[in-house]
């Protein structure tokens, strides 16, 4: 049966404003799937307060510029994000701190020594195990071991975030179909059994531009003392965070991918 745009918009607006808070999460998820609900959600920009909200998020750098930012703002109208009080500005504050700590930990001396078996445990290793998905953590451990050995060690001394903005956001509801899909089709994602059935999972992509400083120590056979070099670079990367926002378990964002 054909549903007019007005009826669809009216039904959608009631959902995102919380009036129909008794609607099951699964139904709210379905109501926002596809491109049409997201485009229709931009109708709220007729409201001056929503225009101001969009301007504030853009001015803070939370949203990307131009059309991408407009479409991301529409994704933030997801009724599940609104129902469970997802705040993009607050989220980015935490994401920025996580980015700094995780990068420093990955390129730290104690993690390099742990990866090569010189230490039984390290503070950086503990932080990474708690902050990363299991497969991402394993990849970092392997990379650190490859780049650091008895002859060469590369340590990050500082990282300054120059730019940060949200790149994408979506929700998933954990059910048997979701578990099977994530376990078989997306093997690099965090494994869903850690999430209770019917919980709402938010997945957020965040873009970072940062200045990274390094110290490299190289032990040459021709030199008595190790050769120490310093370098810096501008790095652009994207972290993907996942967390349960619906309250069945404590919200604990994990970094599941990095590029």
C-alpha atoms as a PDB file:
ATOM      1  CA  UNK A   1       0.000   0.000   0.000  1.00  0.00           C
ATOM      2  CA  UNK A   2       1.408   3.358  -0.986  1.00  0.00           C
ATOM      3  CA  UNK A   3       2.258   5.613   1.940  1.00  0.00           C
ATOM      4  CA  UNK A   4       2.320   9.332   1.176  1.00  0.00           C
ATOM      5  CA  UNK A   5       5.378  11.350   2.105  1.00  0.00           C
ATOM      6  CA  UNK A   6       3.327  13.359   4.574  1.00  0.00           C
ATOM      7  CA  UNK A   7       2.110  10.275   6.441  1.00  0.00           C
ATOM      8  CA  UNK A   8       5.584   8.745   6.433  1.00  0.00           C
ATOM      9  CA  UNK A   9       7.150  11.963   7.679  1.00  0.00           C
ATOM     10  CA  UNK A  10       4.508  12.367  10.368  1.00  0.00           C
ATOM     11  CA  UNK A  11       5.046   8.819  11.643  1.00  0.00           C
ATOM     12  CA  UNK A  12       8.807   9.228  11.540  1.00  0.00           C
ATOM     13  CA  UNK A  13       8.743  12.552  13.369  1.00  0.00           C
ATOM     14  CA  UNK A  14       6.754  11.067  16.238  1.00  0.00           C
ATOM     15  CA  UNK A  15       9.418   8.391  16.609  1.00  0.00           C
ATOM     16  CA  UNK A  16      12.416  10.680  16.689  1.00  0.00           C
ATOM     17  CA  UNK A  17      10.782  13.102  19.085  1.00  0.00           C
ATOM     18  CA  UNK A  18      10.250  10.314  21.589  1.00  0.00           C
ATOM     19  CA  UNK A  19       6.453  10.566  21.652  1.00  0.00           C
ATOM     20  CA  UNK A  20       6.202   6.924  20.622  1.00  0.00           C
ATOM     21  CA  UNK A  21       8.856   5.739  23.073  1.00  0.00           C
ATOM     22  CA  UNK A  22       6.903   2.517  23.616  1.00  0.00           C
ATOM     23  CA  UNK A  23       7.689   1.365  20.082  1.00  0.00           C
ATOM     24  CA  UNK A  24      10.046  -1.661  20.116  1.00  0.00           C
ATOM     25  CA  UNK A  25      13.651  -0.990  19.163  1.00  0.00           C
ATOM     26  CA  UNK A  26      13.442  -3.382  16.224  1.00  0.00           C
ATOM     27  CA  UNK A  27      10.559  -1.390  14.751  1.00  0.00           C
ATOM     28  CA  UNK A  28      12.439   1.882  15.233  1.00  0.00           C
ATOM     29  CA  UNK A  29      15.465   0.354  13.490  1.00  0.00           C
ATOM     30  CA  UNK A  30      13.363  -0.752  10.523  1.00  0.00           C
ATOM     31  CA  UNK A  31      11.647   2.645  10.298  1.00  0.00           C
ATOM     32  CA  UNK A  32      15.004   4.312   9.625  1.00  0.00           C
ATOM     33  CA  UNK A  33      16.472   1.835   7.135  1.00  0.00           C
ATOM     34  CA  UNK A  34      17.195   2.991   3.609  1.00  0.00           C
ATOM     35  CA  UNK A  35      17.792   6.435   2.160  1.00  0.00           C
ATOM     36  CA  UNK A  36      14.231   7.815   2.156  1.00  0.00           C
ATOM     37  CA  UNK A  37      13.770   8.165   5.961  1.00  0.00           C
ATOM     38  CA  UNK A  38      17.140   9.895   6.234  1.00  0.00           C
ATOM     39  CA  UNK A  39      16.271  12.406   3.528  1.00  0.00           C
ATOM     40  CA  UNK A  40      12.843  13.006   5.045  1.00  0.00           C
ATOM     41  CA  UNK A  41      14.421  13.555   8.445  1.00  0.00           C
ATOM     42  CA  UNK A  42      16.082  16.690   7.077  1.00  0.00           C
ATOM     43  CA  UNK A  43      12.640  18.276   7.091  1.00  0.00           C
ATOM     44  CA  UNK A  44      13.351  19.126  10.736  1.00  0.00           C
ATOM     45  CA  UNK A  45      15.775  21.768   9.485  1.00  0.00           C
ATOM     46  CA  UNK A  46      12.716  23.929   8.876  1.00  0.00           C
ATOM     47  CA  UNK A  47      12.775  24.357  12.642  1.00  0.00           C
ATOM     48  CA  UNK A  48      15.072  27.197  13.778  1.00  0.00           C
ATOM     49  CA  UNK A  49      16.332  25.290  16.812  1.00  0.00           C
ATOM     50  CA  UNK A  50      17.340  22.358  14.590  1.00  0.00           C
ATOM     51  CA  UNK A  51      19.018  24.767  12.182  1.00  0.00           C
ATOM     52  CA  UNK A  52      21.016  26.097  15.111  1.00  0.00           C
ATOM     53  CA  UNK A  53      21.903  22.577  16.227  1.00  0.00           C
ATOM     54  CA  UNK A  54      23.152  21.753  12.739  1.00  0.00           C
ATOM     55  CA  UNK A  55      25.166  24.991  12.625  1.00  0.00           C
ATOM     56  CA  UNK A  56      26.674  24.321  16.068  1.00  0.00           C
ATOM     57  CA  UNK A  57      27.759  20.778  15.120  1.00  0.00           C
ATOM     58  CA  UNK A  58      29.237  22.083  11.869  1.00  0.00           C
ATOM     59  CA  UNK A  59      31.078  24.956  13.563  1.00  0.00           C
ATOM     60  CA  UNK A  60      32.509  22.602  16.208  1.00  0.00           C
ATOM     61  CA  UNK A  61      33.863  20.368  13.469  1.00  0.00           C
ATOM     62  CA  UNK A  62      31.712  17.437  14.547  1.00  0.00           C
ATOM     63  CA  UNK A  63      30.167  17.205  11.074  1.00  0.00           C
ATOM     64  CA  UNK A  64      32.110  17.053   7.802  1.00  0.00           C
ATOM     65  CA  UNK A  65      31.662  19.984   5.431  1.00  0.00           C
ATOM     66  CA  UNK A  66      29.148  20.311   2.612  1.00  0.00           C
ATOM     67  CA  UNK A  67      26.754  17.534   1.557  1.00  0.00           C
ATOM     68  CA  UNK A  68      28.500  14.846   3.616  1.00  0.00           C
ATOM     69  CA  UNK A  69      27.800  16.814   6.771  1.00  0.00           C
ATOM     70  CA  UNK A  70      24.160  17.227   5.843  1.00  0.00           C
ATOM     71  CA  UNK A  71      23.720  13.504   5.292  1.00  0.00           C
ATOM     72  CA  UNK A  72      25.520  12.678   8.537  1.00  0.00           C
ATOM     73  CA  UNK A  73      23.198  15.065  10.367  1.00  0.00           C
ATOM     74  CA  UNK A  74      20.290  13.090   8.910  1.00  0.00           C
ATOM     75  CA  UNK A  75      21.871   9.859  10.237  1.00  0.00           C
ATOM     76  CA  UNK A  76      21.967  11.435  13.709  1.00  0.00           C
ATOM     77  CA  UNK A  77      18.151  11.625  13.551  1.00  0.00           C
ATOM     78  CA  UNK A  78      18.102   7.843  13.906  1.00  0.00           C
ATOM     79  CA  UNK A  79      15.349   7.295  16.510  1.00  0.00           C
ATOM     80  CA  UNK A  80      17.492   4.777  18.390  1.00  0.00           C
ATOM     81  CA  UNK A  81      20.347   7.276  18.770  1.00  0.00           C
ATOM     82  CA  UNK A  82      17.857   9.834  20.064  1.00  0.00           C
ATOM     83  CA  UNK A  83      16.086   7.338  22.344  1.00  0.00           C
ATOM     84  CA  UNK A  84      19.366   6.349  23.996  1.00  0.00           C
ATOM     85  CA  UNK A  85      20.767   9.916  24.167  1.00  0.00           C
ATOM     86  CA  UNK A  86      23.752   9.563  21.857  1.00  0.00           C
ATOM     87  CA  UNK A  87      25.542  12.931  21.965  1.00  0.00           C
ATOM     88  CA  UNK A  88      27.979  13.345  19.039  1.00  0.00           C
ATOM     89  CA  UNK A  89      29.903  16.201  20.685  1.00  0.00           C
ATOM     90  CA  UNK A  90      30.476  14.279  23.911  1.00  0.00           C
ATOM     91  CA  UNK A  91      31.349  11.167  21.935  1.00  0.00           C
ATOM     92  CA  UNK A  92      34.061  12.974  19.958  1.00  0.00           C
ATOM     93  CA  UNK A  93      35.652  14.301  23.152  1.00  0.00           C
ATOM     94  CA  UNK A  94      36.070  10.715  24.333  1.00  0.00           C
ATOM     95  CA  UNK A  95      37.136   9.530  20.866  1.00  0.00           C
ATOM     96  CA  UNK A  96      39.890  12.141  20.751  1.00  0.00           C
ATOM     97  CA  UNK A  97      41.307  11.034  24.101  1.00  0.00           C
ATOM     98  CA  UNK A  98      41.028   7.386  23.051  1.00  0.00           C
ATOM     99  CA  UNK A  99      42.881   8.103  19.813  1.00  0.00           C
ATOM    100  CA  UNK A 100      45.773   9.730  21.666  1.00  0.00           C
ATOM    101  CA  UNK A 101      46.074   7.036  24.325  1.00  0.00           C
ATOM    102  CA  UNK A 102      45.732   4.121  21.896  1.00  0.00           C
ATOM    103  CA  UNK A 103      48.297   5.478  19.429  1.00  0.00           C
ATOM    104  CA  UNK A 104      50.787   6.201  22.198  1.00  0.00           C
ATOM    105  CA  UNK A 105      50.239   2.733  23.631  1.00  0.00           C
ATOM    106  CA  UNK A 106      50.673   0.960  20.289  1.00  0.00           C
ATOM    107  CA  UNK A 107      53.973   2.768  19.657  1.00  0.00           C
ATOM    108  CA  UNK A 108      55.230   2.671  23.257  1.00  0.00           C
ATOM    109  CA  UNK A 109      58.454   1.138  24.524  1.00  0.00           C
ATOM    110  CA  UNK A 110      56.763  -1.109  27.081  1.00  0.00           C
ATOM    111  CA  UNK A 111      54.305  -2.519  24.504  1.00  0.00           C
ATOM    112  CA  UNK A 112      57.175  -3.153  22.074  1.00  0.00           C
ATOM    113  CA  UNK A 113      59.092  -4.979  24.801  1.00  0.00           C
ATOM    114  CA  UNK A 114      55.986  -6.963  25.719  1.00  0.00           C
ATOM    115  CA  UNK A 115      55.348  -7.920  22.087  1.00  0.00           C
ATOM    116  CA  UNK A 116      58.903  -9.226  21.796  1.00  0.00           C
ATOM    117  CA  UNK A 117      58.695 -11.207  25.024  1.00  0.00           C
ATOM    118  CA  UNK A 118      60.967  -8.995  27.132  1.00  0.00           C
ATOM    119  CA  UNK A 119      58.123  -8.192  29.573  1.00  0.00           C
ATOM    120  CA  UNK A 120      55.383 -10.393  30.992  1.00  0.00           C
ATOM    121  CA  UNK A 121      52.946  -7.485  31.174  1.00  0.00           C
ATOM    122  CA  UNK A 122      52.845  -3.743  30.493  1.00  0.00           C
ATOM    123  CA  UNK A 123      50.461  -0.824  31.171  1.00  0.00           C
ATOM    124  CA  UNK A 124      50.141  -0.147  27.441  1.00  0.00           C
ATOM    125  CA  UNK A 125      49.256  -3.760  26.746  1.00  0.00           C
ATOM    126  CA  UNK A 126      46.544  -3.655  29.405  1.00  0.00           C
ATOM    127  CA  UNK A 127      45.075  -0.471  27.912  1.00  0.00           C
ATOM    128  CA  UNK A 128      45.038  -1.928  24.405  1.00  0.00           C
ATOM    129  CA  UNK A 129      43.411  -5.194  25.478  1.00  0.00           C
ATOM    130  CA  UNK A 130      40.656  -3.171  27.153  1.00  0.00           C
ATOM    131  CA  UNK A 131      40.214  -0.673  24.298  1.00  0.00           C
ATOM    132  CA  UNK A 132      40.499  -2.774  21.125  1.00  0.00           C
ATOM    133  CA  UNK A 133      38.534  -5.649  19.698  1.00  0.00           C
ATOM    134  CA  UNK A 134      40.391  -8.970  20.043  1.00  0.00           C
ATOM    135  CA  UNK A 135      41.381  -9.200  16.377  1.00  0.00           C
ATOM    136  CA  UNK A 136      42.494  -5.571  16.190  1.00  0.00           C
ATOM    137  CA  UNK A 137      44.551  -6.065  19.344  1.00  0.00           C
ATOM    138  CA  UNK A 138      46.196  -9.168  17.862  1.00  0.00           C
ATOM    139  CA  UNK A 139      47.070  -7.217  14.707  1.00  0.00           C
ATOM    140  CA  UNK A 140      48.671  -4.424  16.761  1.00  0.00           C
ATOM    141  CA  UNK A 141      50.700  -6.963  18.729  1.00  0.00           C
ATOM    142  CA  UNK A 142      51.980  -8.521  15.512  1.00  0.00           C
ATOM    143  CA  UNK A 143      52.842  -5.126  13.986  1.00  0.00           C
ATOM    144  CA  UNK A 144      54.711  -3.955  17.086  1.00  0.00           C
ATOM    145  CA  UNK A 145      56.772  -7.136  17.095  1.00  0.00           C
ATOM    146  CA  UNK A 146      57.630  -6.683  13.412  1.00  0.00           C
ATOM    147  CA  UNK A 147      58.740  -3.050  13.779  1.00  0.00           C
ATOM    148  CA  UNK A 148      60.630  -3.441  17.055  1.00  0.00           C
ATOM    149  CA  UNK A 149      63.402  -5.906  17.712  1.00  0.00           C
ATOM    150  CA  UNK A 150      66.889  -6.142  19.182  1.00  0.00           C
ATOM    151  CA  UNK A 151      68.298  -3.886  16.451  1.00  0.00           C
ATOM    152  CA  UNK A 152      65.516  -1.366  15.856  1.00  0.00           C
ATOM    153  CA  UNK A 153      62.904   0.326  18.031  1.00  0.00           C
ATOM    154  CA  UNK A 154      60.425   3.011  16.970  1.00  0.00           C
ATOM    155  CA  UNK A 155      58.620   4.855  19.780  1.00  0.00           C
ATOM    156  CA  UNK A 156      55.954   7.562  19.529  1.00  0.00           C
ATOM    157  CA  UNK A 157      56.873  10.493  21.756  1.00  0.00           C
ATOM    158  CA  UNK A 158      53.898  12.748  21.086  1.00  0.00           C
ATOM    159  CA  UNK A 159      50.659  12.994  19.133  1.00  0.00           C
ATOM    160  CA  UNK A 160      48.638  16.159  18.554  1.00  0.00           C
ATOM    161  CA  UNK A 161      45.164  15.899  17.067  1.00  0.00           C
ATOM    162  CA  UNK A 162      44.769  18.648  14.485  1.00  0.00           C
ATOM    163  CA  UNK A 163      41.318  17.726  13.211  1.00  0.00           C
ATOM    164  CA  UNK A 164      38.601  15.295  14.233  1.00  0.00           C
ATOM    165  CA  UNK A 165      35.109  14.762  12.860  1.00  0.00           C
ATOM    166  CA  UNK A 166      32.468  12.098  12.661  1.00  0.00           C
ATOM    167  CA  UNK A 167      32.376  10.257   9.346  1.00  0.00           C
ATOM    168  CA  UNK A 168      29.472   7.809   9.740  1.00  0.00           C
ATOM    169  CA  UNK A 169      27.109   6.447  12.377  1.00  0.00           C
ATOM    170  CA  UNK A 170      24.633   3.584  12.331  1.00  0.00           C
ATOM    171  CA  UNK A 171      22.851   1.217  14.695  1.00  0.00           C
ATOM    172  CA  UNK A 172      22.385  -2.542  14.751  1.00  0.00           C
ATOM    173  CA  UNK A 173      20.136  -4.663  16.939  1.00  0.00           C
ATOM    174  CA  UNK A 174      21.648  -7.935  18.104  1.00  0.00           C
ATOM    175  CA  UNK A 175      19.610 -10.975  17.131  1.00  0.00           C
ATOM    176  CA  UNK A 176      20.418 -14.406  15.737  1.00  0.00           C
ATOM    177  CA  UNK A 177      20.629 -13.078  12.166  1.00  0.00           C
ATOM    178  CA  UNK A 178      22.973 -10.266  13.198  1.00  0.00           C
ATOM    179  CA  UNK A 179      25.242 -12.624  15.121  1.00  0.00           C
ATOM    180  CA  UNK A 180      25.523 -14.992  12.174  1.00  0.00           C
ATOM    181  CA  UNK A 181      26.176 -12.113   9.744  1.00  0.00           C
ATOM    182  CA  UNK A 182      28.883 -10.464  11.856  1.00  0.00           C
ATOM    183  CA  UNK A 183      30.622 -13.730  12.605  1.00  0.00           C
ATOM    184  CA  UNK A 184      30.780 -14.952   8.996  1.00  0.00           C
ATOM    185  CA  UNK A 185      30.642 -11.931   6.694  1.00  0.00           C
ATOM    186  CA  UNK A 186      32.597  -9.415   8.781  1.00  0.00           C
ATOM    187  CA  UNK A 187      35.252 -11.467  10.587  1.00  0.00           C
ATOM    188  CA  UNK A 188      37.310  -8.417  11.575  1.00  0.00           C
ATOM    189  CA  UNK A 189      34.487  -6.889  13.593  1.00  0.00           C
ATOM    190  CA  UNK A 190      34.205  -7.410  17.322  1.00  0.00           C
ATOM    191  CA  UNK A 191      32.452 -10.687  18.005  1.00  0.00           C
ATOM    192  CA  UNK A 192      28.804 -10.216  18.910  1.00  0.00           C
ATOM    193  CA  UNK A 193      28.464 -12.790  21.750  1.00  0.00           C
ATOM    194  CA  UNK A 194      29.799 -10.097  24.103  1.00  0.00           C
ATOM    195  CA  UNK A 195      26.560  -8.207  23.473  1.00  0.00           C
ATOM    196  CA  UNK A 196      23.227  -9.387  24.958  1.00  0.00           C
ATOM    197  CA  UNK A 197      20.417 -10.332  22.597  1.00  0.00           C
ATOM    198  CA  UNK A 198      18.180  -7.385  21.624  1.00  0.00           C
ATOM    199  CA  UNK A 199      20.825  -4.818  22.609  1.00  0.00           C
ATOM    200  CA  UNK A 200      21.338  -1.790  20.363  1.00  0.00           C
ATOM    201  CA  UNK A 201      24.877  -1.398  19.038  1.00  0.00           C
ATOM    202  CA  UNK A 202      26.108   1.907  17.656  1.00  0.00           C
ATOM    203  CA  UNK A 203      28.955   1.864  15.146  1.00  0.00           C
ATOM    204  CA  UNK A 204      30.709   5.193  14.647  1.00  0.00           C
ATOM    205  CA  UNK A 205      33.450   6.037  12.145  1.00  0.00           C
ATOM    206  CA  UNK A 206      35.676   8.952  13.176  1.00  0.00           C
ATOM    207  CA  UNK A 207      38.213  10.732  10.973  1.00  0.00           C
ATOM    208  CA  UNK A 208      41.431  12.014  12.559  1.00  0.00           C
ATOM    209  CA  UNK A 209      44.234  14.193  11.295  1.00  0.00           C
ATOM    210  CA  UNK A 210      47.170  14.290  13.690  1.00  0.00           C
ATOM    211  CA  UNK A 211      50.814  15.255  13.958  1.00  0.00           C
ATOM    212  CA  UNK A 212      52.838  12.335  15.278  1.00  0.00           C
ATOM    213  CA  UNK A 213      56.406  12.520  16.628  1.00  0.00           C
ATOM    214  CA  UNK A 214      58.727   9.520  16.827  1.00  0.00           C
ATOM    215  CA  UNK A 215      62.142   8.497  18.118  1.00  0.00           C
ATOM    216  CA  UNK A 216      63.893   5.679  16.305  1.00  0.00           C
ATOM    217  CA  UNK A 217      66.768   3.789  17.886  1.00  0.00           C
ATOM    218  CA  UNK A 218      68.941   1.698  15.570  1.00  0.00           C
ATOM    219  CA  UNK A 219      71.776  -0.520  16.775  1.00  0.00           C
ATOM    220  CA  UNK A 220      74.407  -0.769  14.044  1.00  0.00           C
ATOM    221  CA  UNK A 221      77.265  -3.240  14.147  1.00  0.00           C
ATOM    222  CA  UNK A 222      79.642  -0.502  12.984  1.00  0.00           C
ATOM    223  CA  UNK A 223      78.699   1.866  15.827  1.00  0.00           C
ATOM    224  CA  UNK A 224      79.356   1.452  19.548  1.00  0.00           C
ATOM    225  CA  UNK A 225      76.392   3.614  20.518  1.00  0.00           C
ATOM    226  CA  UNK A 226      72.886   3.277  19.081  1.00  0.00           C
ATOM    227  CA  UNK A 227      71.854   5.799  16.448  1.00  0.00           C
ATOM    228  CA  UNK A 228      68.945   7.960  17.604  1.00  0.00           C
ATOM    229  CA  UNK A 229      66.809   9.808  15.065  1.00  0.00           C
ATOM    230  CA  UNK A 230      63.722  11.966  15.526  1.00  0.00           C
ATOM    231  CA  UNK A 231      60.957  12.432  13.008  1.00  0.00           C
ATOM    232  CA  UNK A 232      57.403  13.678  12.694  1.00  0.00           C
ATOM    233  CA  UNK A 233      54.608  13.235  10.208  1.00  0.00           C
ATOM    234  CA  UNK A 234      51.016  14.232   9.539  1.00  0.00           C
ATOM    235  CA  UNK A 235      48.814  11.169   9.659  1.00  0.00           C
ATOM    236  CA  UNK A 236      45.214  10.871   8.470  1.00  0.00           C
ATOM    237  CA  UNK A 237      43.306   7.874   9.750  1.00  0.00           C
ATOM    238  CA  UNK A 238      39.870   6.549  10.592  1.00  0.00           C
ATOM    239  CA  UNK A 239      38.840   4.668  13.736  1.00  0.00           C
ATOM    240  CA  UNK A 240      35.640   2.623  13.929  1.00  0.00           C
ATOM    241  CA  UNK A 241      34.105   2.470  17.412  1.00  0.00           C
ATOM    242  CA  UNK A 242      31.392   0.078  18.587  1.00  0.00           C
ATOM    243  CA  UNK A 243      29.411   0.093  21.808  1.00  0.00           C
ATOM    244  CA  UNK A 244      26.120  -1.013  23.340  1.00  0.00           C
ATOM    245  CA  UNK A 245      24.019   2.140  23.869  1.00  0.00           C
ATOM    246  CA  UNK A 246      20.790   0.527  25.102  1.00  0.00           C
ATOM    247  CA  UNK A 247      21.858  -0.160  28.686  1.00  0.00           C
ATOM    248  CA  UNK A 248      21.799  -3.971  28.888  1.00  0.00           C
ATOM    249  CA  UNK A 249      25.501  -3.762  29.726  1.00  0.00           C
ATOM    250  CA  UNK A 250      27.775  -0.883  30.629  1.00  0.00           C
ATOM    251  CA  UNK A 251      28.651   1.294  27.641  1.00  0.00           C
ATOM    252  CA  UNK A 252      32.240   0.421  26.761  1.00  0.00           C
ATOM    253  CA  UNK A 253      33.333   1.698  23.348  1.00  0.00           C
ATOM    254  CA  UNK A 254      35.784  -0.573  21.532  1.00  0.00           C
ATOM    255  CA  UNK A 255      37.897   0.275  18.508  1.00  0.00           C
ATOM    256  CA  UNK A 256      37.154  -2.498  16.024  1.00  0.00           C
ATOM    257  CA  UNK A 257      38.949  -1.271  12.892  1.00  0.00           C
ATOM    258  CA  UNK A 258      41.586   1.270  11.958  1.00  0.00           C
ATOM    259  CA  UNK A 259      42.698   2.537   8.574  1.00  0.00           C
END
